[in-house]
N, C-alpha and C. Protein backbone atom coordinates (compact mmCIF):
# COMPACT_ATOMS: atom_id res chain seq x y z
N MET A 1 220.61 -81.28 -101.62
CA MET A 1 219.21 -82.38 -101.98
C MET A 1 218.01 -82.06 -101.52
N SER A 2 218.11 -81.60 -100.20
CA SER A 2 216.89 -81.17 -99.48
C SER A 2 216.42 -79.84 -100.05
N VAL A 3 217.26 -78.96 -100.32
CA VAL A 3 216.76 -77.56 -100.90
C VAL A 3 216.06 -77.96 -102.55
N GLY A 4 216.65 -78.87 -103.15
CA GLY A 4 216.34 -79.19 -104.64
C GLY A 4 214.61 -79.85 -104.30
N ALA A 5 214.78 -80.77 -103.55
CA ALA A 5 213.24 -81.44 -103.18
C ALA A 5 212.40 -80.65 -102.62
N SER A 6 212.68 -79.57 -101.95
CA SER A 6 211.89 -78.54 -101.30
C SER A 6 211.35 -77.53 -102.47
N ASN A 7 212.09 -77.27 -103.46
CA ASN A 7 211.84 -76.63 -104.53
C ASN A 7 210.71 -77.05 -105.52
N LYS A 8 210.96 -78.60 -105.61
CA LYS A 8 209.80 -79.37 -106.30
C LYS A 8 208.54 -79.44 -105.91
N ILE A 9 208.39 -79.38 -104.47
CA ILE A 9 207.18 -79.53 -103.95
C ILE A 9 206.28 -78.23 -104.01
N PHE A 10 207.07 -77.15 -103.76
CA PHE A 10 206.17 -75.78 -103.60
C PHE A 10 205.27 -75.55 -104.96
N PRO A 11 205.65 -75.90 -106.27
CA PRO A 11 205.07 -75.72 -107.28
C PRO A 11 203.81 -76.45 -107.43
N GLN A 12 204.11 -77.61 -107.03
CA GLN A 12 202.78 -78.49 -106.88
C GLN A 12 201.77 -78.39 -106.06
N GLY A 13 202.22 -77.71 -104.84
CA GLY A 13 201.42 -77.27 -103.56
C GLY A 13 200.51 -76.10 -104.41
N ASP A 14 201.26 -75.21 -105.07
CA ASP A 14 200.33 -74.15 -105.62
C ASP A 14 199.42 -74.59 -106.68
N ALA A 15 199.83 -75.35 -107.37
CA ALA A 15 198.61 -75.78 -108.70
C ALA A 15 197.56 -76.64 -107.89
N GLU A 16 197.58 -77.39 -106.85
CA GLU A 16 196.77 -78.06 -106.09
C GLU A 16 195.77 -76.83 -105.22
N ILE A 17 196.34 -75.78 -104.78
CA ILE A 17 195.86 -74.91 -104.06
C ILE A 17 194.64 -74.06 -105.08
N ASN A 18 195.39 -73.75 -106.56
CA ASN A 18 194.86 -73.03 -107.63
C ASN A 18 193.68 -73.77 -108.03
N SER A 19 193.66 -75.18 -108.20
CA SER A 19 192.68 -76.21 -108.60
C SER A 19 191.75 -75.90 -107.88
N ALA A 20 191.94 -76.26 -106.39
CA ALA A 20 190.83 -76.21 -105.47
C ALA A 20 190.01 -74.76 -105.31
N ALA A 21 190.80 -73.74 -105.70
CA ALA A 21 190.03 -72.58 -105.57
C ALA A 21 189.40 -72.11 -106.81
N GLY A 22 189.44 -73.12 -107.68
CA GLY A 22 188.55 -72.72 -109.09
C GLY A 22 188.98 -71.77 -109.86
N GLY A 23 190.59 -71.74 -109.89
CA GLY A 23 191.06 -70.48 -110.64
C GLY A 23 191.59 -71.16 -112.04
N LYS A 24 192.55 -70.85 -112.46
CA LYS A 24 192.84 -71.24 -113.88
C LYS A 24 193.48 -72.69 -113.71
N GLY A 25 192.64 -73.74 -113.17
CA GLY A 25 193.12 -75.02 -113.58
C GLY A 25 192.51 -75.61 -114.71
N HIS A 26 191.44 -75.08 -115.46
CA HIS A 26 191.22 -75.48 -116.86
C HIS A 26 191.54 -74.95 -117.85
N PRO A 27 192.05 -75.37 -118.74
CA PRO A 27 192.36 -74.87 -119.85
C PRO A 27 191.37 -74.01 -120.80
N GLY A 28 191.60 -72.72 -120.96
CA GLY A 28 190.29 -71.77 -121.69
C GLY A 28 189.37 -71.30 -120.28
N GLY A 29 189.62 -71.88 -119.02
CA GLY A 29 188.44 -71.50 -118.44
C GLY A 29 188.76 -70.24 -117.34
N GLU A 30 189.46 -69.21 -118.25
CA GLU A 30 190.00 -68.08 -117.27
C GLU A 30 188.71 -67.39 -116.78
N GLY A 31 188.68 -66.92 -115.31
CA GLY A 31 187.62 -66.31 -115.09
C GLY A 31 186.39 -67.10 -114.95
N CYS A 32 186.36 -68.12 -115.12
CA CYS A 32 185.18 -69.27 -115.18
C CYS A 32 184.79 -69.84 -114.10
N GLY A 33 183.86 -70.10 -113.25
CA GLY A 33 183.80 -71.25 -112.33
C GLY A 33 183.52 -72.36 -112.84
N PRO A 34 183.37 -73.45 -112.03
CA PRO A 34 182.87 -74.88 -112.44
C PRO A 34 181.58 -75.02 -113.04
N PHE A 35 180.80 -74.17 -112.68
CA PHE A 35 179.25 -74.21 -113.37
C PHE A 35 179.14 -73.36 -114.39
N CYS A 36 179.86 -72.69 -114.99
CA CYS A 36 180.02 -71.64 -115.62
C CYS A 36 179.15 -72.08 -117.08
N CYS A 37 179.43 -73.17 -117.70
CA CYS A 37 178.88 -73.98 -118.74
C CYS A 37 177.43 -74.24 -118.56
N SER A 38 177.12 -74.88 -117.37
CA SER A 38 175.68 -75.23 -117.38
C SER A 38 174.92 -73.86 -116.88
N ARG A 39 175.56 -72.87 -116.37
CA ARG A 39 174.68 -71.67 -116.20
C ARG A 39 174.09 -71.05 -117.64
N ARG A 40 175.22 -71.05 -118.43
CA ARG A 40 174.88 -70.63 -119.85
C ARG A 40 174.11 -71.29 -120.68
N GLY A 41 174.05 -72.58 -120.69
CA GLY A 41 173.06 -73.65 -121.11
C GLY A 41 171.89 -73.29 -120.64
N VAL A 42 171.70 -72.98 -119.27
CA VAL A 42 170.27 -72.60 -118.74
C VAL A 42 169.79 -71.19 -119.61
N CYS A 43 170.55 -70.28 -119.46
CA CYS A 43 170.42 -68.94 -119.98
C CYS A 43 169.86 -69.07 -121.63
N LEU A 44 170.62 -70.06 -122.43
CA LEU A 44 170.16 -70.16 -123.72
C LEU A 44 168.94 -71.12 -123.56
N SER A 45 168.52 -71.88 -122.79
CA SER A 45 167.28 -72.70 -122.89
C SER A 45 165.98 -71.51 -122.55
N ALA A 46 166.23 -70.73 -121.43
CA ALA A 46 165.42 -69.77 -121.13
C ALA A 46 164.96 -68.77 -122.31
N LEU A 47 166.19 -68.36 -123.01
CA LEU A 47 165.84 -67.26 -123.94
C LEU A 47 165.27 -67.88 -125.24
N LEU A 48 165.47 -69.26 -125.58
CA LEU A 48 164.68 -69.94 -126.47
C LEU A 48 163.13 -70.10 -126.15
N LEU A 49 162.89 -70.42 -124.81
CA LEU A 49 161.60 -70.61 -124.27
C LEU A 49 160.95 -69.39 -124.61
N LEU A 50 161.55 -68.14 -124.27
CA LEU A 50 160.97 -66.93 -124.35
C LEU A 50 160.54 -66.50 -125.83
N LEU A 51 161.48 -66.92 -126.73
CA LEU A 51 161.10 -66.65 -127.99
C LEU A 51 160.05 -67.43 -128.63
N MET A 52 159.91 -68.44 -128.20
CA MET A 52 158.92 -69.53 -128.71
C MET A 52 157.63 -69.16 -128.35
N ALA A 53 157.54 -68.68 -127.05
CA ALA A 53 156.39 -68.09 -126.34
C ALA A 53 155.83 -66.56 -127.14
N MET A 54 156.74 -65.78 -127.42
CA MET A 54 156.45 -64.63 -128.12
C MET A 54 155.96 -65.08 -129.83
N LEU A 55 156.55 -66.15 -130.17
CA LEU A 55 156.02 -66.48 -131.57
C LEU A 55 154.74 -67.20 -131.59
N ALA A 56 154.58 -67.95 -130.46
CA ALA A 56 152.94 -68.45 -130.18
C ALA A 56 151.94 -67.46 -130.01
N ALA A 57 152.54 -66.54 -129.32
CA ALA A 57 151.62 -65.29 -128.91
C ALA A 57 151.15 -64.47 -130.38
N LEU A 58 152.24 -64.23 -131.08
CA LEU A 58 152.19 -63.35 -132.51
C LEU A 58 151.25 -64.51 -133.27
N LEU A 59 150.98 -65.77 -133.36
CA LEU A 59 150.26 -66.64 -134.07
C LEU A 59 148.90 -66.82 -133.88
N ILE A 60 148.62 -66.52 -132.33
CA ILE A 60 147.35 -66.60 -132.00
C ILE A 60 146.72 -65.20 -132.08
N VAL A 61 147.30 -64.02 -132.41
CA VAL A 61 147.02 -62.84 -132.52
C VAL A 61 146.56 -62.72 -133.94
N ALA A 62 147.43 -63.35 -134.79
CA ALA A 62 147.27 -63.42 -136.32
C ALA A 62 146.04 -64.01 -136.70
N THR A 63 145.83 -65.16 -135.82
CA THR A 63 144.82 -66.20 -136.12
C THR A 63 143.45 -65.35 -135.84
N ILE A 64 143.37 -64.53 -134.69
CA ILE A 64 142.08 -64.04 -134.18
C ILE A 64 141.87 -62.81 -135.22
N LEU A 65 142.90 -62.18 -135.65
CA LEU A 65 142.73 -60.91 -136.78
C LEU A 65 142.42 -61.39 -137.79
N GLY A 66 142.66 -62.48 -138.17
CA GLY A 66 142.78 -63.27 -139.34
C GLY A 66 141.45 -63.74 -139.73
N ARG A 67 140.40 -64.00 -138.62
CA ARG A 67 139.34 -64.71 -138.92
C ARG A 67 138.35 -63.74 -139.81
N PRO A 68 137.65 -64.57 -140.36
CA PRO A 68 136.62 -63.81 -141.46
C PRO A 68 135.49 -63.11 -140.33
N PRO A 69 134.84 -61.84 -140.77
CA PRO A 69 133.98 -61.30 -139.64
C PRO A 69 132.80 -61.88 -139.93
N HIS A 70 131.83 -61.99 -139.09
CA HIS A 70 130.39 -62.84 -139.20
C HIS A 70 129.54 -61.36 -138.67
N GLY A 71 129.72 -60.54 -138.15
CA GLY A 71 128.82 -59.56 -137.79
C GLY A 71 128.29 -58.77 -138.87
N PRO A 72 126.97 -58.31 -138.83
CA PRO A 72 126.43 -57.58 -140.05
C PRO A 72 127.36 -56.21 -140.47
N GLU A 73 127.55 -55.83 -139.20
CA GLU A 73 128.18 -54.26 -139.40
C GLU A 73 129.57 -54.37 -140.16
N THR A 74 130.16 -55.51 -140.19
CA THR A 74 131.27 -55.65 -140.84
C THR A 74 131.25 -56.23 -142.27
N GLN A 75 129.78 -56.66 -142.67
CA GLN A 75 129.68 -57.08 -144.05
C GLN A 75 129.09 -56.16 -145.09
N SER A 76 129.02 -55.07 -144.71
CA SER A 76 128.50 -54.01 -145.69
C SER A 76 129.53 -53.55 -146.15
N CYS A 77 129.67 -53.18 -147.87
CA CYS A 77 130.45 -52.35 -148.45
C CYS A 77 129.86 -51.68 -149.53
N VAL A 78 130.66 -51.03 -150.39
CA VAL A 78 130.18 -50.34 -151.39
C VAL A 78 130.77 -50.87 -152.61
N THR A 79 129.82 -51.10 -153.92
CA THR A 79 130.45 -51.71 -154.97
C THR A 79 130.96 -50.73 -156.06
N LEU A 80 131.71 -51.14 -157.04
CA LEU A 80 132.38 -50.20 -158.07
C LEU A 80 131.27 -49.34 -158.55
N THR A 81 130.05 -49.75 -158.69
CA THR A 81 128.96 -48.74 -159.11
C THR A 81 128.26 -48.12 -158.06
N ASN A 82 129.00 -47.88 -156.98
CA ASN A 82 128.56 -46.93 -155.77
C ASN A 82 126.93 -47.42 -155.51
N ARG A 83 127.11 -48.63 -155.08
CA ARG A 83 125.64 -49.37 -154.84
C ARG A 83 125.89 -50.18 -153.44
N THR A 84 124.95 -50.39 -152.67
CA THR A 84 125.22 -51.22 -151.51
C THR A 84 125.98 -52.67 -151.75
N GLY A 85 126.78 -53.10 -151.27
CA GLY A 85 127.00 -54.52 -151.49
C GLY A 85 127.20 -55.37 -150.05
N PHE A 86 127.83 -56.63 -150.36
CA PHE A 86 128.10 -57.41 -149.37
C PHE A 86 129.63 -58.12 -149.49
N LEU A 87 130.01 -57.59 -148.53
CA LEU A 87 131.65 -57.92 -148.32
C LEU A 87 131.78 -59.46 -148.04
N CYS A 88 132.42 -60.04 -149.01
CA CYS A 88 132.90 -61.23 -148.71
C CYS A 88 134.02 -61.54 -147.46
N HIS A 89 133.97 -63.00 -147.16
CA HIS A 89 134.69 -63.34 -146.04
C HIS A 89 136.37 -62.80 -146.12
N ASP A 90 136.76 -62.89 -147.56
CA ASP A 90 138.11 -62.69 -147.76
C ASP A 90 138.39 -61.18 -147.88
N ARG A 91 137.55 -60.07 -147.36
CA ARG A 91 137.50 -58.77 -147.24
C ARG A 91 138.06 -58.06 -148.46
N ARG A 92 138.01 -58.79 -149.67
CA ARG A 92 138.39 -58.20 -151.10
C ARG A 92 137.20 -58.09 -152.02
N HIS A 93 136.35 -58.93 -151.94
CA HIS A 93 135.09 -59.18 -152.82
C HIS A 93 134.19 -58.47 -152.53
N CYS A 94 133.58 -57.53 -153.18
CA CYS A 94 132.30 -56.75 -152.60
C CYS A 94 131.06 -57.06 -153.76
N ILE A 95 130.20 -57.81 -153.57
CA ILE A 95 129.24 -58.42 -154.75
C ILE A 95 127.88 -57.45 -154.15
N PRO A 96 127.21 -57.24 -155.44
CA PRO A 96 126.17 -56.69 -155.10
C PRO A 96 125.12 -57.17 -154.14
N ALA A 97 124.17 -56.27 -153.35
CA ALA A 97 123.31 -56.92 -152.50
C ALA A 97 122.35 -58.09 -153.00
N HIS A 98 121.99 -57.71 -154.25
CA HIS A 98 121.01 -58.60 -154.84
C HIS A 98 121.60 -59.90 -155.21
N GLY A 99 122.85 -59.98 -154.99
CA GLY A 99 123.23 -61.16 -155.51
C GLY A 99 123.65 -62.17 -154.05
N VAL A 100 123.12 -61.79 -153.03
CA VAL A 100 123.08 -62.26 -151.83
C VAL A 100 121.93 -63.59 -151.67
N CYS A 101 121.92 -64.73 -151.40
CA CYS A 101 120.82 -65.65 -151.82
C CYS A 101 120.14 -65.82 -152.87
N ASP A 102 120.80 -65.67 -154.00
CA ASP A 102 120.18 -65.59 -155.33
C ASP A 102 120.31 -67.14 -155.93
N GLY A 103 120.95 -68.03 -155.25
CA GLY A 103 121.10 -69.46 -155.83
C GLY A 103 122.54 -69.67 -156.33
N VAL A 104 123.31 -68.36 -156.34
CA VAL A 104 124.50 -68.48 -157.15
C VAL A 104 125.66 -68.33 -155.91
N ARG A 105 126.68 -69.14 -155.89
CA ARG A 105 127.75 -68.69 -155.01
C ARG A 105 128.64 -67.83 -155.94
N THR A 106 128.58 -66.49 -155.12
CA THR A 106 129.33 -65.54 -155.77
C THR A 106 130.89 -65.26 -155.22
N CYS A 107 130.67 -65.24 -153.92
CA CYS A 107 131.91 -65.13 -153.02
C CYS A 107 132.80 -66.26 -153.28
N PRO A 108 133.98 -66.05 -153.09
CA PRO A 108 134.96 -67.23 -153.43
C PRO A 108 134.74 -68.47 -152.40
N HIS A 109 134.30 -68.41 -151.38
CA HIS A 109 134.04 -69.52 -150.43
C HIS A 109 132.48 -69.70 -150.11
N GLY A 110 131.55 -68.94 -150.96
CA GLY A 110 130.18 -68.98 -151.08
C GLY A 110 129.46 -68.69 -149.99
N GLU A 111 129.96 -67.79 -149.20
CA GLU A 111 129.47 -67.43 -147.70
C GLU A 111 128.10 -66.65 -148.20
N ASP A 112 127.98 -65.92 -149.45
CA ASP A 112 126.56 -64.99 -149.77
C ASP A 112 125.38 -66.13 -149.90
N GLU A 113 125.63 -67.30 -149.78
CA GLU A 113 124.58 -68.45 -150.06
C GLU A 113 124.53 -69.36 -148.77
N ASP A 114 125.21 -68.99 -147.60
CA ASP A 114 125.04 -69.58 -146.29
C ASP A 114 123.75 -69.67 -145.91
N GLU A 115 123.47 -71.05 -145.09
CA GLU A 115 122.10 -71.23 -144.38
C GLU A 115 121.70 -69.97 -143.68
N SER A 116 122.70 -69.41 -142.78
CA SER A 116 122.34 -68.38 -141.82
C SER A 116 121.84 -67.44 -142.40
N LEU A 117 122.17 -66.94 -143.56
CA LEU A 117 121.83 -65.82 -144.45
C LEU A 117 120.48 -66.13 -145.10
N CYS A 118 120.16 -67.21 -145.64
CA CYS A 118 119.10 -67.54 -146.48
C CYS A 118 117.93 -68.50 -145.98
N ARG A 119 118.28 -69.01 -144.88
CA ARG A 119 117.18 -69.66 -144.29
C ARG A 119 115.83 -69.22 -144.19
N ASP A 120 115.69 -67.86 -144.13
CA ASP A 120 114.31 -67.35 -143.75
C ASP A 120 114.32 -66.06 -144.24
N VAL A 121 114.84 -65.97 -145.63
CA VAL A 121 114.71 -64.54 -146.26
C VAL A 121 113.38 -63.98 -146.22
N PRO A 122 112.99 -62.62 -146.05
CA PRO A 122 114.09 -61.45 -145.88
C PRO A 122 114.72 -61.64 -144.22
N ARG A 123 113.78 -62.36 -143.13
CA ARG A 123 114.45 -62.11 -142.16
C ARG A 123 115.56 -62.59 -141.58
N SER A 124 116.15 -63.35 -142.37
CA SER A 124 117.65 -63.93 -141.87
C SER A 124 118.64 -62.76 -142.46
N LEU A 125 118.26 -61.96 -143.44
CA LEU A 125 119.31 -61.05 -143.96
C LEU A 125 119.50 -59.86 -143.27
N PRO A 126 120.95 -59.30 -143.17
CA PRO A 126 121.21 -58.01 -142.57
C PRO A 126 120.43 -56.87 -143.10
N SER A 127 120.10 -56.00 -141.96
CA SER A 127 119.11 -54.82 -142.32
C SER A 127 119.61 -54.29 -143.68
N PHE A 128 121.22 -54.07 -143.79
CA PHE A 128 121.60 -53.10 -144.81
C PHE A 128 121.36 -53.69 -146.24
N LEU A 129 121.03 -55.23 -146.16
CA LEU A 129 120.72 -55.53 -147.62
C LEU A 129 119.10 -55.17 -147.90
N LEU A 130 118.47 -54.67 -147.11
CA LEU A 130 117.21 -54.66 -147.60
C LEU A 130 116.54 -53.32 -147.80
N ALA A 131 115.55 -52.95 -148.43
CA ALA A 131 114.80 -51.74 -148.68
C ALA A 131 113.26 -52.24 -148.52
N HIS A 132 112.46 -51.13 -148.06
CA HIS A 132 110.96 -51.45 -147.90
C HIS A 132 110.44 -50.80 -148.99
N CYS A 133 109.22 -51.17 -149.15
CA CYS A 133 108.46 -50.78 -150.31
C CYS A 133 107.25 -49.97 -149.72
N GLY A 134 106.42 -49.15 -150.34
CA GLY A 134 105.24 -48.58 -150.04
C GLY A 134 104.39 -49.42 -149.28
N ASP A 135 104.37 -50.73 -149.72
CA ASP A 135 103.63 -51.73 -149.24
C ASP A 135 104.66 -52.41 -147.86
N SER A 136 104.28 -52.40 -146.76
CA SER A 136 105.24 -52.57 -145.78
C SER A 136 105.32 -54.27 -146.02
N ALA A 137 104.56 -54.98 -146.77
CA ALA A 137 105.03 -56.46 -146.71
C ALA A 137 105.52 -56.83 -147.80
N SER A 138 106.36 -55.95 -148.64
CA SER A 138 106.89 -55.90 -149.79
C SER A 138 108.35 -55.31 -149.52
N TRP A 139 109.52 -55.95 -149.85
CA TRP A 139 110.61 -55.65 -149.87
C TRP A 139 111.75 -55.89 -151.17
N ILE A 140 112.71 -55.42 -151.13
CA ILE A 140 113.55 -55.43 -152.26
C ILE A 140 114.94 -55.23 -151.78
N TYR A 141 116.24 -55.64 -152.60
CA TYR A 141 117.43 -55.44 -152.00
C TYR A 141 117.69 -53.99 -152.27
N SER A 142 118.54 -53.57 -151.41
CA SER A 142 118.60 -52.21 -151.23
C SER A 142 119.58 -51.56 -152.29
N ASP A 143 120.30 -52.34 -153.02
CA ASP A 143 120.86 -51.94 -154.37
C ASP A 143 120.07 -51.54 -155.54
N GLN A 144 118.73 -52.06 -155.31
CA GLN A 144 117.54 -52.11 -156.07
C GLN A 144 116.84 -50.63 -156.12
N ARG A 145 117.15 -49.83 -155.04
CA ARG A 145 116.37 -48.78 -154.76
C ARG A 145 117.29 -47.71 -155.62
N CYS A 146 116.44 -46.60 -156.47
CA CYS A 146 116.91 -45.70 -156.88
C CYS A 146 117.88 -46.28 -158.26
N ASP A 147 117.45 -47.45 -159.02
CA ASP A 147 118.06 -47.85 -160.15
C ASP A 147 117.34 -47.48 -161.26
N ARG A 148 116.01 -46.90 -161.02
CA ARG A 148 115.34 -46.48 -162.05
C ARG A 148 114.22 -47.38 -162.65
N ILE A 149 114.48 -48.72 -162.14
CA ILE A 149 113.63 -49.61 -162.27
C ILE A 149 112.49 -49.86 -161.40
N ASN A 150 111.38 -50.06 -161.70
CA ASN A 150 109.97 -50.45 -160.85
C ASN A 150 110.14 -51.92 -160.24
N ASN A 151 111.17 -52.07 -159.18
CA ASN A 151 111.27 -53.04 -158.49
C ASN A 151 109.96 -53.51 -157.57
N CYS A 152 109.50 -52.55 -156.95
CA CYS A 152 108.57 -52.62 -155.94
C CYS A 152 107.24 -52.95 -156.59
N GLY A 153 106.86 -52.55 -157.89
CA GLY A 153 105.70 -52.71 -158.56
C GLY A 153 104.80 -51.33 -158.59
N ASP A 154 105.07 -50.67 -157.46
CA ASP A 154 104.24 -49.41 -157.22
C ASP A 154 105.23 -48.20 -157.40
N CYS A 155 106.49 -48.48 -158.00
CA CYS A 155 107.48 -47.36 -157.91
C CYS A 155 107.79 -46.63 -156.71
N SER A 156 107.34 -47.33 -155.70
CA SER A 156 107.88 -46.66 -154.37
C SER A 156 109.28 -46.47 -154.07
N ASP A 157 109.99 -47.37 -154.72
CA ASP A 157 111.41 -47.64 -154.56
C ASP A 157 112.13 -46.61 -155.35
N GLU A 158 111.25 -45.74 -156.23
CA GLU A 158 111.79 -44.85 -157.26
C GLU A 158 111.41 -43.30 -156.74
N LEU A 159 110.25 -43.31 -156.25
CA LEU A 159 109.73 -41.97 -156.19
C LEU A 159 109.36 -41.70 -154.81
N SER A 160 109.33 -40.26 -154.54
CA SER A 160 108.83 -39.95 -153.18
C SER A 160 107.54 -40.00 -153.01
N PRO A 161 107.09 -40.06 -151.53
CA PRO A 161 107.52 -39.80 -150.32
C PRO A 161 108.49 -40.87 -149.70
N VAL A 162 108.46 -42.10 -150.44
CA VAL A 162 109.00 -43.34 -149.94
C VAL A 162 110.46 -43.32 -149.97
N THR A 163 110.95 -42.90 -151.23
CA THR A 163 112.17 -42.62 -151.76
C THR A 163 112.80 -41.39 -152.22
N ALA A 164 113.73 -40.88 -151.84
CA ALA A 164 114.10 -39.47 -152.43
C ALA A 164 115.45 -39.98 -153.50
N CYS A 165 115.02 -40.03 -154.82
CA CYS A 165 116.06 -40.50 -155.74
C CYS A 165 116.44 -39.23 -156.40
N SER A 166 117.78 -39.35 -157.05
CA SER A 166 118.27 -38.39 -157.99
C SER A 166 117.61 -38.52 -159.19
N PRO A 167 117.61 -37.08 -159.97
CA PRO A 167 116.96 -37.24 -161.41
C PRO A 167 117.54 -38.21 -162.36
N CYS A 168 117.12 -38.53 -163.34
CA CYS A 168 117.50 -39.33 -164.34
C CYS A 168 118.61 -38.90 -164.80
N GLY A 169 119.51 -39.86 -165.00
CA GLY A 169 120.81 -39.54 -165.16
C GLY A 169 121.13 -39.28 -167.08
N PRO A 170 122.21 -39.09 -167.49
CA PRO A 170 122.51 -38.82 -169.01
C PRO A 170 121.81 -39.99 -169.87
N GLY A 171 121.87 -41.22 -169.37
CA GLY A 171 121.52 -42.32 -170.32
C GLY A 171 120.07 -42.53 -170.34
N TRP A 172 119.41 -41.46 -169.52
CA TRP A 172 118.00 -41.73 -169.41
C TRP A 172 117.10 -40.69 -169.89
N TRP A 173 115.85 -40.89 -170.31
CA TRP A 173 115.07 -39.53 -170.79
C TRP A 173 114.02 -39.58 -169.62
N ARG A 174 113.67 -38.55 -169.41
CA ARG A 174 112.80 -38.17 -168.18
C ARG A 174 111.39 -37.85 -168.88
N CYS A 175 110.36 -38.85 -168.70
CA CYS A 175 108.87 -38.56 -169.20
C CYS A 175 108.18 -39.65 -168.12
N THR A 176 106.78 -39.67 -168.27
CA THR A 176 105.90 -40.40 -167.61
C THR A 176 105.87 -41.89 -168.51
N PRO A 177 106.57 -43.09 -168.16
CA PRO A 177 106.59 -44.08 -169.02
C PRO A 177 105.32 -44.85 -169.17
N THR A 178 105.09 -45.53 -170.19
CA THR A 178 104.10 -46.51 -170.51
C THR A 178 104.09 -47.86 -170.09
N VAL A 179 105.29 -48.17 -169.84
CA VAL A 179 105.92 -49.63 -169.50
C VAL A 179 106.03 -49.70 -168.07
N PHE A 180 105.34 -50.82 -167.61
CA PHE A 180 105.35 -50.82 -166.39
C PHE A 180 106.74 -51.03 -165.75
N LYS A 181 107.68 -51.59 -166.35
CA LYS A 181 109.02 -51.59 -165.85
C LYS A 181 109.55 -50.15 -165.36
N TYR A 182 109.49 -49.20 -165.92
CA TYR A 182 110.01 -47.83 -165.63
C TYR A 182 109.04 -46.79 -164.74
N CYS A 183 109.72 -46.03 -164.08
CA CYS A 183 108.93 -45.27 -163.29
C CYS A 183 109.04 -43.66 -163.83
N SER A 184 109.93 -42.92 -163.68
CA SER A 184 110.12 -41.56 -164.19
C SER A 184 110.93 -41.32 -165.15
N CYS A 185 111.53 -42.28 -165.98
CA CYS A 185 112.38 -42.10 -167.23
C CYS A 185 112.50 -43.56 -167.68
N ILE A 186 112.71 -43.48 -168.95
CA ILE A 186 113.10 -44.61 -169.72
C ILE A 186 114.60 -44.44 -170.32
N PRO A 187 115.36 -45.70 -170.61
CA PRO A 187 116.55 -45.56 -171.25
C PRO A 187 116.45 -45.02 -172.57
N ARG A 188 117.61 -44.28 -172.97
CA ARG A 188 117.71 -43.47 -174.09
C ARG A 188 117.73 -44.25 -175.24
N VAL A 189 118.25 -45.53 -175.17
CA VAL A 189 118.17 -46.60 -176.27
C VAL A 189 116.98 -46.69 -176.64
N LEU A 190 115.89 -46.57 -175.83
CA LEU A 190 114.69 -47.11 -176.37
C LEU A 190 113.91 -45.56 -177.34
N CYS A 191 114.23 -44.79 -177.20
CA CYS A 191 114.14 -43.41 -178.08
C CYS A 191 114.38 -43.68 -179.77
N ARG A 192 113.22 -43.05 -180.23
CA ARG A 192 113.08 -43.18 -181.67
C ARG A 192 113.22 -44.69 -182.33
N ASP A 193 112.64 -45.73 -181.50
CA ASP A 193 112.31 -47.10 -181.84
C ASP A 193 111.29 -47.16 -182.63
N HIS A 194 110.37 -46.30 -182.79
CA HIS A 194 109.21 -46.47 -183.43
C HIS A 194 108.25 -46.93 -182.52
N VAL A 195 108.43 -47.18 -181.08
CA VAL A 195 107.62 -47.86 -180.31
C VAL A 195 107.25 -46.59 -179.04
N GLN A 196 105.99 -46.69 -178.99
CA GLN A 196 105.53 -45.43 -177.77
C GLN A 196 106.12 -46.07 -176.50
N HIS A 197 106.99 -45.59 -175.84
CA HIS A 197 107.32 -45.92 -174.28
C HIS A 197 106.90 -44.58 -173.24
N CYS A 198 106.81 -43.45 -173.70
CA CYS A 198 106.20 -42.12 -173.06
C CYS A 198 104.67 -41.90 -173.38
N SER A 199 104.17 -41.35 -172.17
CA SER A 199 102.72 -41.27 -172.43
C SER A 199 102.56 -40.09 -173.25
N ASP A 200 103.33 -39.14 -173.35
CA ASP A 200 103.35 -38.20 -174.48
C ASP A 200 103.90 -38.14 -176.07
N TRP A 201 104.64 -39.57 -176.01
CA TRP A 201 105.47 -39.77 -177.17
C TRP A 201 106.65 -39.06 -177.37
N SER A 202 107.01 -38.57 -176.10
CA SER A 202 108.43 -37.61 -176.36
C SER A 202 109.54 -38.54 -176.56
N ASP A 203 109.42 -39.72 -176.47
CA ASP A 203 110.63 -40.97 -176.64
C ASP A 203 110.75 -41.00 -178.11
N GLU A 204 109.53 -40.36 -179.05
CA GLU A 204 109.79 -40.67 -180.42
C GLU A 204 110.03 -39.32 -181.22
N TYR A 205 109.52 -38.18 -180.61
CA TYR A 205 109.63 -36.83 -180.72
C TYR A 205 110.63 -35.91 -180.67
N ALA A 206 110.86 -36.01 -179.35
CA ALA A 206 111.92 -35.31 -178.56
C ALA A 206 113.07 -35.66 -178.21
N CYS A 207 113.18 -36.69 -177.94
CA CYS A 207 114.17 -37.52 -177.37
C CYS A 207 115.39 -37.80 -178.39
N SER A 208 116.54 -37.40 -178.03
CA SER A 208 117.73 -37.59 -179.43
C SER A 208 118.36 -39.01 -179.22
N GLY A 209 118.05 -39.92 -178.30
CA GLY A 209 118.52 -41.29 -178.56
C GLY A 209 119.93 -40.93 -177.49
N PRO A 210 120.43 -42.07 -177.43
CA PRO A 210 121.80 -42.31 -176.75
C PRO A 210 122.89 -41.65 -177.17
């Protein structure tokens, strides 16, 4: 009997020793200490915090980069007709220079009529929107230069030495116009309309029309 009792005590002692040593005392806890689950939770929390911090940083960068530009150097663009334009804040719409501060909101958000631009025209306009005439007190929008129209009133926006413009294109007839509106050529649609538009009458006798 003493031998049998002795055999029953040793296994119990072994289990207590294993449990105290943090061994295989918990089901499914092979090789894992008593604080293993707690440590895993801390690691997951730290990982989540790191991911959230990275996401917040990305949002901040995207917000900064996505802000509409306000500097004049970033508002210049070229229109589809190859003229100077004003770039709207959405970075997609390029409106003609003469469309700025004309009383009509052309940009999607109306920034072409902002008070900061239009409060003291032309002083409040960026330099790329302006062109000066022969008379320094007179100005026009930059896209009105070399458009074959007498915008300055003295043709200084079309003729040298103030401006060096290209010759009249296919849709124009080169002559000395009698009409104040034009400078060195007239639209061919005015040719042979039984009205004198050129000082030498070439619009009626030489021009072949459009």
